[in-house]
Amino acid sequence: MKRSIFFLAFLTLIFSCNSGDSSQPQSESENNFYALTVGNLWEYRWYGIDNEGNENPMDLHETISIVGMEEINDNLYYKFSRTITGNFNGNYGFVPENGEHFEYYRDSLGYLVNSEGGIKFSNNINDSFIIYPSYEENSGIVNSIAETQAEIVMYDTEAGTFDCLELIVSFVRDDGFIYPAKNRVYYSDGIGLVKDDHVFLSAETAGYYRKLQSYSFQ
């Protein structure tokens, strides 16, 4: 079960797609959907969800901030610091262990892409992705399909209520079997990540999710 959670978390964050070759990040004077500005900071808390859909706050927190910019393979990326607290001994496979970790992202034509070419989100409506890589469970190869929804979703958090674009990730086995699990990721224009799910493959609701608690922008 823990292995399934780990892969769902990994795959939700790493989407493979040809995302363009713009050598510069999107200008902060243009539409800054992902709030890509050095000095911006977000605080998140993780919650557990049982089979009945009951939500329980966990003592698992993240602080994410943009600490600079770096050129990687001729492209400029924003450098994200991701500090984890509450994941002692790496007990939760869907987040890194306690401490500070670094990730690199840029906006390429509406795609939030990382330094390895994977896509974390797209603000292009009705955009669909085959998530890479597929992975193997005991019952076969599982393919992951993501699509940005057209309908705006209002989502309440401790940081406020936000109008969000929703990305839904479905999981389909190579024999055509569709798992009940669906991961949902919510981004708000000019705010960034508001909430994302990491559910069990075999369950419609059970799993974990991360939700915005506060933010501070430059």
C-alpha atoms as a PDB file:
ATOM      1  CA  MET A   1       0.000   0.000   0.000  1.00  0.00           C
ATOM      2  CA  LYS A   2       2.783   2.404   0.886  1.00  0.00           C
ATOM      3  CA  ARG A   3       4.362   1.659  -2.505  1.00  0.00           C
ATOM      4  CA  SER A   4       1.145   2.672  -4.256  1.00  0.00           C
ATOM      5  CA  ILE A   5       1.017   5.972  -2.369  1.00  0.00           C
ATOM      6  CA  PHE A   6       4.636   6.713  -3.256  1.00  0.00           C
ATOM      7  CA  PHE A   7       4.065   6.158  -6.942  1.00  0.00           C
ATOM      8  CA  LEU A   8       0.867   8.226  -7.005  1.00  0.00           C
ATOM      9  CA  ALA A   9       2.677  11.096  -5.350  1.00  0.00           C
ATOM     10  CA  PHE A  10       5.638  10.793  -7.710  1.00  0.00           C
ATOM     11  CA  LEU A  11       3.542  10.525 -10.836  1.00  0.00           C
ATOM     12  CA  THR A  12       1.247  13.373  -9.932  1.00  0.00           C
ATOM     13  CA  LEU A  13       4.266  15.648  -9.669  1.00  0.00           C
ATOM     14  CA  ILE A  14       6.190  14.408 -12.739  1.00  0.00           C
ATOM     15  CA  PHE A  15       4.235  14.660 -15.992  1.00  0.00           C
ATOM     16  CA  SER A  16       6.123  13.976 -19.218  1.00  0.00           C
ATOM     17  CA  CYS A  17       5.397  16.171 -22.231  1.00  0.00           C
ATOM     18  CA  ASN A  18       7.161  18.285 -24.856  1.00  0.00           C
ATOM     19  CA  SER A  19       6.754  21.647 -23.241  1.00  0.00           C
ATOM     20  CA  GLY A  20       8.597  24.025 -25.546  1.00  0.00           C
ATOM     21  CA  ASP A  21      12.127  25.371 -25.553  1.00  0.00           C
ATOM     22  CA  SER A  22      11.737  28.926 -24.295  1.00  0.00           C
ATOM     23  CA  SER A  23      15.107  29.906 -22.851  1.00  0.00           C
ATOM     24  CA  GLN A  24      13.634  32.516 -20.497  1.00  0.00           C
ATOM     25  CA  PRO A  25      11.092  32.146 -17.702  1.00  0.00           C
ATOM     26  CA  GLN A  26       7.821  33.982 -18.111  1.00  0.00           C
ATOM     27  CA  SER A  27       8.217  37.666 -17.337  1.00  0.00           C
ATOM     28  CA  GLU A  28       6.816  38.733 -14.005  1.00  0.00           C
ATOM     29  CA  SER A  29       5.210  41.701 -15.802  1.00  0.00           C
ATOM     30  CA  GLU A  30       3.120  39.248 -17.854  1.00  0.00           C
ATOM     31  CA  ASN A  31       0.459  36.909 -16.523  1.00  0.00           C
ATOM     32  CA  ASN A  32       2.106  35.191 -13.549  1.00  0.00           C
ATOM     33  CA  PHE A  33      -0.339  32.315 -13.039  1.00  0.00           C
ATOM     34  CA  TYR A  34       2.074  30.266 -10.925  1.00  0.00           C
ATOM     35  CA  ALA A  35       3.236  33.233  -8.776  1.00  0.00           C
ATOM     36  CA  LEU A  36       6.828  32.710  -9.897  1.00  0.00           C
ATOM     37  CA  THR A  37       8.592  35.527  -8.049  1.00  0.00           C
ATOM     38  CA  VAL A  38      11.755  35.238  -5.971  1.00  0.00           C
ATOM     39  CA  GLY A  39      10.858  35.682  -2.298  1.00  0.00           C
ATOM     40  CA  ASN A  40       7.345  34.208  -2.496  1.00  0.00           C
ATOM     41  CA  LEU A  41       6.544  31.699   0.265  1.00  0.00           C
ATOM     42  CA  TRP A  42       3.789  29.124   0.898  1.00  0.00           C
ATOM     43  CA  GLU A  43       2.937  27.045   3.999  1.00  0.00           C
ATOM     44  CA  TYR A  44       1.121  23.702   3.638  1.00  0.00           C
ATOM     45  CA  ARG A  45      -0.270  21.037   5.951  1.00  0.00           C
ATOM     46  CA  TRP A  46      -0.996  17.387   5.146  1.00  0.00           C
ATOM     47  CA  TYR A  47      -4.279  15.645   5.998  1.00  0.00           C
ATOM     48  CA  GLY A  48      -5.259  11.974   6.072  1.00  0.00           C
ATOM     49  CA  ILE A  49      -8.539  10.703   4.570  1.00  0.00           C
ATOM     50  CA  ASP A  50     -10.155   7.423   5.648  1.00  0.00           C
ATOM     51  CA  ASN A  51     -12.476   5.157   3.623  1.00  0.00           C
ATOM     52  CA  GLU A  52     -15.525   7.127   4.776  1.00  0.00           C
ATOM     53  CA  GLY A  53     -14.012  10.373   3.559  1.00  0.00           C
ATOM     54  CA  ASN A  54     -13.275  11.726   7.035  1.00  0.00           C
ATOM     55  CA  GLU A  55     -10.372  14.179   7.071  1.00  0.00           C
ATOM     56  CA  ASN A  56      -7.788  14.279   9.859  1.00  0.00           C
ATOM     57  CA  PRO A  57      -5.006  16.877  10.114  1.00  0.00           C
ATOM     58  CA  MET A  58      -1.511  15.419  10.404  1.00  0.00           C
ATOM     59  CA  ASP A  59       1.577  16.788  12.111  1.00  0.00           C
ATOM     60  CA  LEU A  60       3.226  16.938   8.692  1.00  0.00           C
ATOM     61  CA  HIS A  61       4.048  20.371   7.279  1.00  0.00           C
ATOM     62  CA  GLU A  62       5.837  21.952   4.323  1.00  0.00           C
ATOM     63  CA  THR A  63       7.310  25.396   3.783  1.00  0.00           C
ATOM     64  CA  ILE A  64       7.961  26.190   0.133  1.00  0.00           C
ATOM     65  CA  SER A  65       9.723  29.348  -1.025  1.00  0.00           C
ATOM     66  CA  ILE A  66      11.382  30.664  -4.179  1.00  0.00           C
ATOM     67  CA  VAL A  67      14.960  31.421  -3.212  1.00  0.00           C
ATOM     68  CA  GLY A  68      16.582  32.310  -6.533  1.00  0.00           C
ATOM     69  CA  MET A  69      17.029  31.428 -10.189  1.00  0.00           C
ATOM     70  CA  GLU A  70      19.434  29.082 -11.955  1.00  0.00           C
ATOM     71  CA  GLU A  71      20.259  28.309 -15.571  1.00  0.00           C
ATOM     72  CA  ILE A  72      19.948  24.614 -16.414  1.00  0.00           C
ATOM     73  CA  ASN A  73      20.452  23.306 -19.962  1.00  0.00           C
ATOM     74  CA  ASP A  74      20.182  26.845 -21.372  1.00  0.00           C
ATOM     75  CA  ASN A  75      16.870  27.519 -19.599  1.00  0.00           C
ATOM     76  CA  LEU A  76      16.296  29.726 -16.552  1.00  0.00           C
ATOM     77  CA  TYR A  77      14.433  28.061 -13.688  1.00  0.00           C
ATOM     78  CA  TYR A  78      13.091  29.339 -10.396  1.00  0.00           C
ATOM     79  CA  LYS A  79      14.769  27.570  -7.485  1.00  0.00           C
ATOM     80  CA  PHE A  80      12.227  26.282  -4.941  1.00  0.00           C
ATOM     81  CA  SER A  81      13.225  25.454  -1.363  1.00  0.00           C
ATOM     82  CA  ARG A  82      10.944  22.752   0.088  1.00  0.00           C
ATOM     83  CA  THR A  83      11.344  22.205   3.840  1.00  0.00           C
ATOM     84  CA  ILE A  84       9.580  19.199   5.410  1.00  0.00           C
ATOM     85  CA  THR A  85       8.765  18.726   9.106  1.00  0.00           C
ATOM     86  CA  GLY A  86       6.962  15.740  10.631  1.00  0.00           C
ATOM     87  CA  ASN A  87       8.207  12.987   8.299  1.00  0.00           C
ATOM     88  CA  PHE A  88      10.449  11.272  10.822  1.00  0.00           C
ATOM     89  CA  ASN A  89      12.533   8.423   9.381  1.00  0.00           C
ATOM     90  CA  GLY A  90      10.795   8.918   6.043  1.00  0.00           C
ATOM     91  CA  ASN A  91       7.655   7.121   7.259  1.00  0.00           C
ATOM     92  CA  TYR A  92       5.509   8.851   4.636  1.00  0.00           C
ATOM     93  CA  GLY A  93       6.648   7.856   1.164  1.00  0.00           C
ATOM     94  CA  PHE A  94       4.708  10.598  -0.629  1.00  0.00           C
ATOM     95  CA  VAL A  95       6.970  13.405   0.663  1.00  0.00           C
ATOM     96  CA  PRO A  96      10.740  13.715   1.153  1.00  0.00           C
ATOM     97  CA  GLU A  97      12.289  13.149   4.568  1.00  0.00           C
ATOM     98  CA  ASN A  98      12.592  15.979   7.083  1.00  0.00           C
ATOM     99  CA  GLY A  99      14.840  18.819   6.020  1.00  0.00           C
ATOM    100  CA  GLU A 100      15.342  21.190   3.111  1.00  0.00           C
ATOM    101  CA  HIS A 101      15.108  19.996  -0.481  1.00  0.00           C
ATOM    102  CA  PHE A 102      15.406  21.913  -3.759  1.00  0.00           C
ATOM    103  CA  GLU A 103      13.318  21.741  -6.921  1.00  0.00           C
ATOM    104  CA  TYR A 104      13.473  23.813 -10.127  1.00  0.00           C
ATOM    105  CA  TYR A 105      10.498  25.026 -12.176  1.00  0.00           C
ATOM    106  CA  ARG A 106       9.650  27.429 -14.988  1.00  0.00           C
ATOM    107  CA  ASP A 107       6.516  28.452 -16.883  1.00  0.00           C
ATOM    108  CA  SER A 108       6.617  27.295 -20.508  1.00  0.00           C
ATOM    109  CA  LEU A 109       3.491  28.286 -22.466  1.00  0.00           C
ATOM    110  CA  GLY A 110       1.243  27.604 -19.479  1.00  0.00           C
ATOM    111  CA  TYR A 111       3.018  24.407 -18.421  1.00  0.00           C
ATOM    112  CA  LEU A 112       4.791  24.383 -15.063  1.00  0.00           C
ATOM    113  CA  VAL A 113       7.814  22.267 -15.968  1.00  0.00           C
ATOM    114  CA  ASN A 114      10.695  21.023 -13.846  1.00  0.00           C
ATOM    115  CA  SER A 115      14.386  20.828 -14.682  1.00  0.00           C
ATOM    116  CA  GLU A 116      13.987  17.229 -15.918  1.00  0.00           C
ATOM    117  CA  GLY A 117      11.343  18.189 -18.486  1.00  0.00           C
ATOM    118  CA  GLY A 118       8.392  16.838 -16.501  1.00  0.00           C
ATOM    119  CA  ILE A 119       5.174  18.804 -16.103  1.00  0.00           C
ATOM    120  CA  LYS A 120       3.617  19.516 -12.716  1.00  0.00           C
ATOM    121  CA  PHE A 121       0.560  21.404 -13.983  1.00  0.00           C
ATOM    122  CA  SER A 122      -0.983  22.980 -17.080  1.00  0.00           C
ATOM    123  CA  ASN A 123      -3.329  25.954 -17.132  1.00  0.00           C
ATOM    124  CA  ASN A 124      -4.401  25.111 -20.692  1.00  0.00           C
ATOM    125  CA  ILE A 125      -8.085  24.153 -20.436  1.00  0.00           C
ATOM    126  CA  ASN A 126      -9.029  20.583 -21.477  1.00  0.00           C
ATOM    127  CA  ASP A 127      -5.351  19.734 -21.895  1.00  0.00           C
ATOM    128  CA  SER A 128      -4.725  15.967 -21.499  1.00  0.00           C
ATOM    129  CA  PHE A 129      -1.495  14.151 -20.629  1.00  0.00           C
ATOM    130  CA  ILE A 130      -0.292  10.589 -20.524  1.00  0.00           C
ATOM    131  CA  ILE A 131       1.798  10.681 -17.379  1.00  0.00           C
ATOM    132  CA  TYR A 132       5.290   9.251 -17.576  1.00  0.00           C
ATOM    133  CA  PRO A 133       6.495   6.809 -16.519  1.00  0.00           C
ATOM    134  CA  SER A 134       3.931   4.045 -16.394  1.00  0.00           C
ATOM    135  CA  TYR A 135       4.626   1.678 -13.523  1.00  0.00           C
ATOM    136  CA  GLU A 136       4.000  -1.926 -12.610  1.00  0.00           C
ATOM    137  CA  GLU A 137       1.691  -3.212  -9.901  1.00  0.00           C
ATOM    138  CA  ASN A 138       1.117  -6.900  -9.125  1.00  0.00           C
ATOM    139  CA  SER A 139      -1.895  -6.850 -11.457  1.00  0.00           C
ATOM    140  CA  GLY A 140      -0.140  -5.219 -14.411  1.00  0.00           C
ATOM    141  CA  ILE A 141       1.119  -1.971 -15.903  1.00  0.00           C
ATOM    142  CA  VAL A 142      -0.663   1.173 -14.683  1.00  0.00           C
ATOM    143  CA  ASN A 143      -0.918   4.208 -16.958  1.00  0.00           C
ATOM    144  CA  SER A 144      -1.789   7.625 -15.560  1.00  0.00           C
ATOM    145  CA  ILE A 145      -3.851  10.154 -17.497  1.00  0.00           C
ATOM    146  CA  ALA A 146      -4.275  13.795 -16.447  1.00  0.00           C
ATOM    147  CA  GLU A 147      -6.636  16.468 -17.767  1.00  0.00           C
ATOM    148  CA  THR A 148      -7.109  20.145 -16.880  1.00  0.00           C
ATOM    149  CA  GLN A 149     -10.820  20.787 -16.311  1.00  0.00           C
ATOM    150  CA  ALA A 150     -12.739  23.692 -17.861  1.00  0.00           C
ATOM    151  CA  GLU A 151     -14.888  24.448 -14.819  1.00  0.00           C
ATOM    152  CA  ILE A 152     -13.470  26.767 -12.158  1.00  0.00           C
ATOM    153  CA  VAL A 153     -13.586  25.246  -8.648  1.00  0.00           C
ATOM    154  CA  MET A 154     -13.862  27.350  -5.481  1.00  0.00           C
ATOM    155  CA  TYR A 155     -11.750  25.867  -2.681  1.00  0.00           C
ATOM    156  CA  ASP A 156     -11.660  26.927   0.978  1.00  0.00           C
ATOM    157  CA  THR A 157      -8.400  26.902   2.932  1.00  0.00           C
ATOM    158  CA  GLU A 158      -7.024  28.467   6.091  1.00  0.00           C
ATOM    159  CA  ALA A 159      -5.396  31.020   3.779  1.00  0.00           C
ATOM    160  CA  GLY A 160      -8.710  32.017   2.163  1.00  0.00           C
ATOM    161  CA  THR A 161     -11.106  30.910  -0.575  1.00  0.00           C
ATOM    162  CA  PHE A 162      -9.671  30.618  -4.075  1.00  0.00           C
ATOM    163  CA  ASP A 163     -10.979  30.165  -7.610  1.00  0.00           C
ATOM    164  CA  CYS A 164      -8.947  27.219  -8.912  1.00  0.00           C
ATOM    165  CA  LEU A 165      -8.203  25.299 -12.059  1.00  0.00           C
ATOM    166  CA  GLU A 166      -8.539  21.560 -11.383  1.00  0.00           C
ATOM    167  CA  LEU A 167      -6.311  18.835 -12.808  1.00  0.00           C
ATOM    168  CA  ILE A 168      -7.744  15.302 -12.506  1.00  0.00           C
ATOM    169  CA  VAL A 169      -5.430  12.289 -12.731  1.00  0.00           C
ATOM    170  CA  SER A 170      -6.959   8.885 -13.561  1.00  0.00           C
ATOM    171  CA  PHE A 171      -5.238   5.486 -13.378  1.00  0.00           C
ATOM    172  CA  VAL A 172      -5.839   2.835 -16.061  1.00  0.00           C
ATOM    173  CA  ARG A 173      -4.297  -0.635 -16.224  1.00  0.00           C
ATOM    174  CA  ASP A 174      -2.968  -1.900 -19.565  1.00  0.00           C
ATOM    175  CA  ASP A 175      -5.842  -4.418 -19.777  1.00  0.00           C
ATOM    176  CA  GLY A 176      -8.354  -1.550 -19.659  1.00  0.00           C
ATOM    177  CA  PHE A 177      -9.248  -1.747 -15.967  1.00  0.00           C
ATOM    178  CA  ILE A 178      -9.887   1.714 -14.492  1.00  0.00           C
ATOM    179  CA  TYR A 179      -8.951   2.170 -10.835  1.00  0.00           C
ATOM    180  CA  PRO A 180     -11.418   4.046  -8.607  1.00  0.00           C
ATOM    181  CA  ALA A 181      -8.643   6.374  -7.424  1.00  0.00           C
ATOM    182  CA  LYS A 182      -8.413   9.886  -8.831  1.00  0.00           C
ATOM    183  CA  ASN A 183      -5.869  12.488  -7.818  1.00  0.00           C
ATOM    184  CA  ARG A 184      -6.970  16.125  -7.974  1.00  0.00           C
ATOM    185  CA  VAL A 185      -4.613  19.097  -8.088  1.00  0.00           C
ATOM    186  CA  TYR A 186      -5.791  22.697  -7.633  1.00  0.00           C
ATOM    187  CA  TYR A 187      -3.927  25.835  -8.722  1.00  0.00           C
ATOM    188  CA  SER A 188      -5.213  29.407  -8.435  1.00  0.00           C
ATOM    189  CA  ASP A 189      -4.195  32.190 -10.823  1.00  0.00           C
ATOM    190  CA  GLY A 190      -1.527  34.353  -9.194  1.00  0.00           C
ATOM    191  CA  ILE A 191      -1.462  32.192  -6.033  1.00  0.00           C
ATOM    192  CA  GLY A 192       0.003  28.854  -7.108  1.00  0.00           C
ATOM    193  CA  LEU A 193      -0.680  25.440  -5.585  1.00  0.00           C
ATOM    194  CA  VAL A 194      -3.738  25.432  -3.312  1.00  0.00           C
ATOM    195  CA  LYS A 195      -4.304  21.706  -2.775  1.00  0.00           C
ATOM    196  CA  ASP A 196      -3.281  18.317  -4.198  1.00  0.00           C
ATOM    197  CA  ASP A 197      -4.293  14.699  -3.516  1.00  0.00           C
ATOM    198  CA  HIS A 198      -2.380  11.448  -3.138  1.00  0.00           C
ATOM    199  CA  VAL A 199      -4.979   8.671  -2.858  1.00  0.00           C
ATOM    200  CA  PHE A 200      -4.708   4.879  -2.732  1.00  0.00           C
ATOM    201  CA  LEU A 201      -5.152   3.142  -6.100  1.00  0.00           C
ATOM    202  CA  SER A 202      -7.902   0.884  -4.784  1.00  0.00           C
ATOM    203  CA  ALA A 203      -9.926   3.598  -3.018  1.00  0.00           C
ATOM    204  CA  GLU A 204     -12.081   6.479  -4.204  1.00  0.00           C
ATOM    205  CA  THR A 205     -11.196   8.761  -1.308  1.00  0.00           C
ATOM    206  CA  ALA A 206      -8.732   7.187   1.152  1.00  0.00           C
ATOM    207  CA  GLY A 207      -5.234   8.616   1.139  1.00  0.00           C
ATOM    208  CA  TYR A 208      -3.675  12.001   1.853  1.00  0.00           C
ATOM    209  CA  TYR A 209      -3.820  15.575   0.650  1.00  0.00           C
ATOM    210  CA  ARG A 210      -1.784  18.754   1.055  1.00  0.00           C
ATOM    211  CA  LYS A 211      -3.572  22.088   1.606  1.00  0.00           C
ATOM    212  CA  LEU A 212      -2.434  25.708   1.681  1.00  0.00           C
ATOM    213  CA  GLN A 213      -2.312  27.257   5.167  1.00  0.00           C
ATOM    214  CA  SER A 214      -0.777  30.667   4.464  1.00  0.00           C
ATOM    215  CA  TYR A 215       1.312  32.537   1.918  1.00  0.00           C
ATOM    216  CA  SER A 216       3.506  35.619   1.733  1.00  0.00           C
ATOM    217  CA  PHE A 217       4.334  37.298  -1.588  1.00  0.00           C
ATOM    218  CA  GLN A 218       6.854  39.913  -2.630  1.00  0.00           C
END
